[in-house]
Amino acid sequence: MSRTSPADPHRPVVDVGDLVARVDELLPVAIRPQLWALFFDADCIQLPMMVPLEGIPAHPSPSAVEAWGSALGAVVAEFGVAWLAFVVERPGAASTTGSDAAWCRSLLDLRESQGLAVRHVLGCSDAGVAIWGSAAPGSATGLGVDGSPACGARAQASPRSLALADVLPLR
């Protein structure tokens, strides 16, 4: 089995196609139920960290999602994250379920409740990766809410180091 080399991790993720391709490189198929947070700077460069939350239930608990969002807010502030995307990994068929829709809604709602710049929620199933939802009109095209380019034209930020275990309970 031959495999192509991975794409440049410093290549900007400027539209939904780029995002699906990036997540497909990282999580090509589902292995177990878990939630992933991916972080991006203002130039749409993925920061070199992904935060998993293992053992997620079939349906999200509003209080647990709010606590997760609050903890992610500390990471966003510390690293100067411009926007983020979530991936709900769950084994099974590619067709979305009521549970998938509930996860998508609760994660997109973190924009309002926690002020997080959530752009997309993706699903990763046995069949691969797909977009489940986007937060704003135009976000699927890579444009901001007001139609302006979503990514700036400045030098890439260098986040300060932070022990994620100090902020989030990781296993």
C-alpha atoms as a PDB file:
ATOM      1  CA  MET A   1       0.000   0.000   0.000  1.00  0.00           C
ATOM      2  CA  SER A   2       1.533   3.282  -1.037  1.00  0.00           C
ATOM      3  CA  ARG A   3       0.611   6.489   0.672  1.00  0.00           C
ATOM      4  CA  THR A   4       1.292  10.040  -0.393  1.00  0.00           C
ATOM      5  CA  SER A   5       3.183  12.291   1.955  1.00  0.00           C
ATOM      6  CA  PRO A   6       1.033  14.518   4.156  1.00  0.00           C
ATOM      7  CA  ALA A   7       0.262  18.031   2.985  1.00  0.00           C
ATOM      8  CA  ASP A   8       2.219  20.950   4.398  1.00  0.00           C
ATOM      9  CA  PRO A   9       0.790  21.555   7.903  1.00  0.00           C
ATOM     10  CA  HIS A  10       1.597  25.273   7.512  1.00  0.00           C
ATOM     11  CA  ARG A  11      -0.623  25.613   4.442  1.00  0.00           C
ATOM     12  CA  PRO A  12      -3.591  27.856   5.250  1.00  0.00           C
ATOM     13  CA  VAL A  13      -7.034  26.268   5.606  1.00  0.00           C
ATOM     14  CA  VAL A  14      -8.992  28.940   3.767  1.00  0.00           C
ATOM     15  CA  ASP A  15     -12.206  27.161   2.816  1.00  0.00           C
ATOM     16  CA  VAL A  16     -14.353  24.211   3.772  1.00  0.00           C
ATOM     17  CA  GLY A  17     -12.670  21.960   1.180  1.00  0.00           C
ATOM     18  CA  ASP A  18      -9.284  22.642   2.749  1.00  0.00           C
ATOM     19  CA  LEU A  19     -10.709  21.924   6.200  1.00  0.00           C
ATOM     20  CA  VAL A  20     -12.242  18.591   5.165  1.00  0.00           C
ATOM     21  CA  ALA A  21      -8.961  17.609   3.474  1.00  0.00           C
ATOM     22  CA  ARG A  22      -6.936  18.543   6.593  1.00  0.00           C
ATOM     23  CA  VAL A  23      -9.212  16.621   8.955  1.00  0.00           C
ATOM     24  CA  ASP A  24      -9.228  13.658   6.561  1.00  0.00           C
ATOM     25  CA  GLU A  25      -5.413  13.574   6.817  1.00  0.00           C
ATOM     26  CA  LEU A  26      -5.564  13.655  10.617  1.00  0.00           C
ATOM     27  CA  LEU A  27      -8.605  11.442  11.256  1.00  0.00           C
ATOM     28  CA  PRO A  28      -9.354   9.387   8.136  1.00  0.00           C
ATOM     29  CA  VAL A  29     -11.888   7.091   9.849  1.00  0.00           C
ATOM     30  CA  ALA A  30     -13.579   6.863  13.228  1.00  0.00           C
ATOM     31  CA  ILE A  31     -12.114   4.585  15.860  1.00  0.00           C
ATOM     32  CA  ARG A  32     -14.012   5.518  19.030  1.00  0.00           C
ATOM     33  CA  PRO A  33     -16.458   8.179  20.183  1.00  0.00           C
ATOM     34  CA  GLN A  34     -14.580  11.366  20.953  1.00  0.00           C
ATOM     35  CA  LEU A  35     -14.594  15.065  20.269  1.00  0.00           C
ATOM     36  CA  TRP A  36     -11.637  16.952  18.792  1.00  0.00           C
ATOM     37  CA  ALA A  37     -10.953  20.692  18.875  1.00  0.00           C
ATOM     38  CA  LEU A  38      -8.721  22.152  16.133  1.00  0.00           C
ATOM     39  CA  PHE A  39      -7.315  25.660  16.508  1.00  0.00           C
ATOM     40  CA  PHE A  40      -6.393  28.172  13.789  1.00  0.00           C
ATOM     41  CA  ASP A  41      -4.634  31.538  13.805  1.00  0.00           C
ATOM     42  CA  ALA A  42      -5.760  34.674  11.954  1.00  0.00           C
ATOM     43  CA  ASP A  43      -3.973  33.463   8.807  1.00  0.00           C
ATOM     44  CA  CYS A  44      -5.967  30.207   8.855  1.00  0.00           C
ATOM     45  CA  ILE A  45      -2.868  28.208   9.801  1.00  0.00           C
ATOM     46  CA  GLN A  46      -3.701  25.288  12.067  1.00  0.00           C
ATOM     47  CA  LEU A  47      -1.891  25.615  15.364  1.00  0.00           C
ATOM     48  CA  PRO A  48       0.191  22.545  16.299  1.00  0.00           C
ATOM     49  CA  MET A  49      -2.273  21.115  18.803  1.00  0.00           C
ATOM     50  CA  MET A  50      -5.509  19.184  18.778  1.00  0.00           C
ATOM     51  CA  VAL A  51      -7.444  18.659  21.979  1.00  0.00           C
ATOM     52  CA  PRO A  52      -9.363  15.379  22.285  1.00  0.00           C
ATOM     53  CA  LEU A  53     -12.224  14.688  24.670  1.00  0.00           C
ATOM     54  CA  GLU A  54     -12.605  10.926  24.944  1.00  0.00           C
ATOM     55  CA  GLY A  55     -15.673   8.917  25.836  1.00  0.00           C
ATOM     56  CA  ILE A  56     -18.329  11.388  24.747  1.00  0.00           C
ATOM     57  CA  PRO A  57     -21.924  10.263  25.251  1.00  0.00           C
ATOM     58  CA  ALA A  58     -24.368   9.698  22.391  1.00  0.00           C
ATOM     59  CA  HIS A  59     -26.168  12.945  23.270  1.00  0.00           C
ATOM     60  CA  PRO A  60     -24.372  16.025  24.601  1.00  0.00           C
ATOM     61  CA  SER A  61     -24.984  17.234  28.115  1.00  0.00           C
ATOM     62  CA  PRO A  62     -25.537  21.010  27.979  1.00  0.00           C
ATOM     63  CA  SER A  63     -23.628  21.575  31.236  1.00  0.00           C
ATOM     64  CA  ALA A  64     -20.707  19.384  30.111  1.00  0.00           C
ATOM     65  CA  VAL A  65     -20.490  21.180  26.735  1.00  0.00           C
ATOM     66  CA  GLU A  66     -20.544  24.549  28.524  1.00  0.00           C
ATOM     67  CA  ALA A  67     -17.729  23.411  30.872  1.00  0.00           C
ATOM     68  CA  TRP A  68     -15.732  22.147  27.875  1.00  0.00           C
ATOM     69  CA  GLY A  69     -16.292  25.461  26.094  1.00  0.00           C
ATOM     70  CA  SER A  70     -15.167  27.408  29.150  1.00  0.00           C
ATOM     71  CA  ALA A  71     -11.960  25.364  29.372  1.00  0.00           C
ATOM     72  CA  LEU A  72     -11.332  25.859  25.647  1.00  0.00           C
ATOM     73  CA  GLY A  73     -11.775  29.591  26.163  1.00  0.00           C
ATOM     74  CA  ALA A  74      -8.615  29.573  28.305  1.00  0.00           C
ATOM     75  CA  VAL A  75      -6.707  27.836  25.503  1.00  0.00           C
ATOM     76  CA  VAL A  76      -8.073  30.285  22.917  1.00  0.00           C
ATOM     77  CA  ALA A  77      -6.988  33.269  25.018  1.00  0.00           C
ATOM     78  CA  GLU A  78      -3.546  31.864  25.837  1.00  0.00           C
ATOM     79  CA  PHE A  79      -2.627  30.976  22.264  1.00  0.00           C
ATOM     80  CA  GLY A  80      -4.327  33.829  20.413  1.00  0.00           C
ATOM     81  CA  VAL A  81      -6.621  31.488  18.519  1.00  0.00           C
ATOM     82  CA  ALA A  82      -8.635  33.270  15.820  1.00  0.00           C
ATOM     83  CA  TRP A  83     -11.124  30.471  15.147  1.00  0.00           C
ATOM     84  CA  LEU A  84     -11.688  26.797  15.777  1.00  0.00           C
ATOM     85  CA  ALA A  85     -13.416  23.754  14.362  1.00  0.00           C
ATOM     86  CA  PHE A  86     -14.740  20.664  16.088  1.00  0.00           C
ATOM     87  CA  VAL A  87     -14.701  17.086  14.854  1.00  0.00           C
ATOM     88  CA  VAL A  88     -17.115  14.584  16.376  1.00  0.00           C
ATOM     89  CA  GLU A  89     -15.579  11.156  15.862  1.00  0.00           C
ATOM     90  CA  ARG A  90     -17.983   8.252  16.111  1.00  0.00           C
ATOM     91  CA  PRO A  91     -17.936   4.793  14.518  1.00  0.00           C
ATOM     92  CA  GLY A  92     -20.873   3.978  12.290  1.00  0.00           C
ATOM     93  CA  ALA A  93     -22.500   4.942   9.035  1.00  0.00           C
ATOM     94  CA  ALA A  94     -21.890   8.275   7.349  1.00  0.00           C
ATOM     95  CA  SER A  95     -25.549   9.320   7.489  1.00  0.00           C
ATOM     96  CA  THR A  96     -26.173  11.835  10.257  1.00  0.00           C
ATOM     97  CA  THR A  97     -28.341  10.931  13.211  1.00  0.00           C
ATOM     98  CA  GLY A  98     -30.336  12.879  15.760  1.00  0.00           C
ATOM     99  CA  SER A  99     -27.370  12.563  18.099  1.00  0.00           C
ATOM    100  CA  ASP A 100     -25.070  14.056  15.459  1.00  0.00           C
ATOM    101  CA  ALA A 101     -27.431  16.997  14.982  1.00  0.00           C
ATOM    102  CA  ALA A 102     -27.561  17.562  18.756  1.00  0.00           C
ATOM    103  CA  TRP A 103     -23.752  17.606  18.966  1.00  0.00           C
ATOM    104  CA  CYS A 104     -23.527  19.981  16.019  1.00  0.00           C
ATOM    105  CA  ARG A 105     -26.047  22.419  17.530  1.00  0.00           C
ATOM    106  CA  SER A 106     -24.474  22.359  20.995  1.00  0.00           C
ATOM    107  CA  LEU A 107     -20.955  22.956  19.632  1.00  0.00           C
ATOM    108  CA  LEU A 108     -22.048  25.763  17.302  1.00  0.00           C
ATOM    109  CA  ASP A 109     -23.937  27.321  20.235  1.00  0.00           C
ATOM    110  CA  LEU A 110     -20.571  27.840  21.983  1.00  0.00           C
ATOM    111  CA  ARG A 111     -20.247  30.923  19.760  1.00  0.00           C
ATOM    112  CA  GLU A 112     -23.041  32.572  21.712  1.00  0.00           C
ATOM    113  CA  SER A 113     -22.627  31.084  25.180  1.00  0.00           C
ATOM    114  CA  GLN A 114     -18.816  31.175  25.424  1.00  0.00           C
ATOM    115  CA  GLY A 115     -17.878  33.676  22.722  1.00  0.00           C
ATOM    116  CA  LEU A 116     -15.765  31.100  20.904  1.00  0.00           C
ATOM    117  CA  ALA A 117     -15.159  31.655  17.187  1.00  0.00           C
ATOM    118  CA  VAL A 118     -16.475  28.242  16.144  1.00  0.00           C
ATOM    119  CA  ARG A 119     -16.643  28.081  12.351  1.00  0.00           C
ATOM    120  CA  HIS A 120     -17.406  24.453  11.564  1.00  0.00           C
ATOM    121  CA  VAL A 121     -18.433  21.139  13.086  1.00  0.00           C
ATOM    122  CA  LEU A 122     -17.355  18.056  11.177  1.00  0.00           C
ATOM    123  CA  GLY A 123     -18.207  14.412  11.631  1.00  0.00           C
ATOM    124  CA  CYS A 124     -15.780  11.536  11.271  1.00  0.00           C
ATOM    125  CA  SER A 125     -17.442   8.150  10.706  1.00  0.00           C
ATOM    126  CA  ASP A 126     -16.477   4.776   9.238  1.00  0.00           C
ATOM    127  CA  ALA A 127     -16.878   6.395   5.802  1.00  0.00           C
ATOM    128  CA  GLY A 128     -14.583   9.342   6.522  1.00  0.00           C
ATOM    129  CA  VAL A 129     -15.010  13.060   7.162  1.00  0.00           C
ATOM    130  CA  ALA A 130     -17.946  15.352   6.330  1.00  0.00           C
ATOM    131  CA  ILE A 131     -19.132  18.830   7.309  1.00  0.00           C
ATOM    132  CA  TRP A 132     -22.077  18.675   9.700  1.00  0.00           C
ATOM    133  CA  GLY A 133     -22.569  22.411  10.185  1.00  0.00           C
ATOM    134  CA  SER A 134     -21.128  25.886   9.776  1.00  0.00           C
ATOM    135  CA  ALA A 135     -21.581  28.816  12.108  1.00  0.00           C
ATOM    136  CA  ALA A 136     -22.124  31.706   9.751  1.00  0.00           C
ATOM    137  CA  PRO A 137     -23.258  32.483   6.245  1.00  0.00           C
ATOM    138  CA  GLY A 138     -20.180  32.631   4.067  1.00  0.00           C
ATOM    139  CA  SER A 139     -18.063  30.532   6.433  1.00  0.00           C
ATOM    140  CA  ALA A 140     -18.230  27.599   4.042  1.00  0.00           C
ATOM    141  CA  THR A 141     -16.573  29.784   1.426  1.00  0.00           C
ATOM    142  CA  GLY A 142     -13.846  31.025   3.713  1.00  0.00           C
ATOM    143  CA  LEU A 143     -15.418  34.453   4.127  1.00  0.00           C
ATOM    144  CA  GLY A 144     -16.242  36.115   7.391  1.00  0.00           C
ATOM    145  CA  VAL A 145     -19.758  36.996   8.503  1.00  0.00           C
ATOM    146  CA  ASP A 146     -19.558  40.423   6.841  1.00  0.00           C
ATOM    147  CA  GLY A 147     -18.255  38.993   3.544  1.00  0.00           C
ATOM    148  CA  SER A 148     -14.675  40.104   4.151  1.00  0.00           C
ATOM    149  CA  PRO A 149     -11.834  37.596   3.899  1.00  0.00           C
ATOM    150  CA  ALA A 150     -11.854  35.415   6.996  1.00  0.00           C
ATOM    151  CA  CYS A 151      -8.066  35.219   7.218  1.00  0.00           C
ATOM    152  CA  GLY A 152      -5.712  38.142   7.680  1.00  0.00           C
ATOM    153  CA  ALA A 153      -2.524  38.933   5.826  1.00  0.00           C
ATOM    154  CA  ARG A 154      -0.125  39.163   8.760  1.00  0.00           C
ATOM    155  CA  ALA A 155       2.774  37.018   9.870  1.00  0.00           C
ATOM    156  CA  GLN A 156       1.844  33.785  11.603  1.00  0.00           C
ATOM    157  CA  ALA A 157       1.598  34.088  15.352  1.00  0.00           C
ATOM    158  CA  SER A 158       3.857  32.056  17.612  1.00  0.00           C
ATOM    159  CA  PRO A 159       1.827  30.909  20.591  1.00  0.00           C
ATOM    160  CA  ARG A 160       3.388  30.925  24.025  1.00  0.00           C
ATOM    161  CA  SER A 161       3.786  27.566  25.663  1.00  0.00           C
ATOM    162  CA  LEU A 162       1.059  26.383  27.977  1.00  0.00           C
ATOM    163  CA  ALA A 163       0.686  23.074  29.693  1.00  0.00           C
ATOM    164  CA  LEU A 164      -2.719  21.984  28.439  1.00  0.00           C
ATOM    165  CA  ALA A 165      -2.995  19.584  31.350  1.00  0.00           C
ATOM    166  CA  ASP A 166      -3.110  22.671  33.583  1.00  0.00           C
ATOM    167  CA  VAL A 167      -6.205  23.908  31.736  1.00  0.00           C
ATOM    168  CA  LEU A 168      -7.975  20.762  30.530  1.00  0.00           C
ATOM    169  CA  PRO A 169      -8.199  17.374  32.157  1.00  0.00           C
ATOM    170  CA  LEU A 170      -6.472  15.181  29.555  1.00  0.00           C
ATOM    171  CA  ARG A 171      -6.068  11.441  29.780  1.00  0.00           C
END
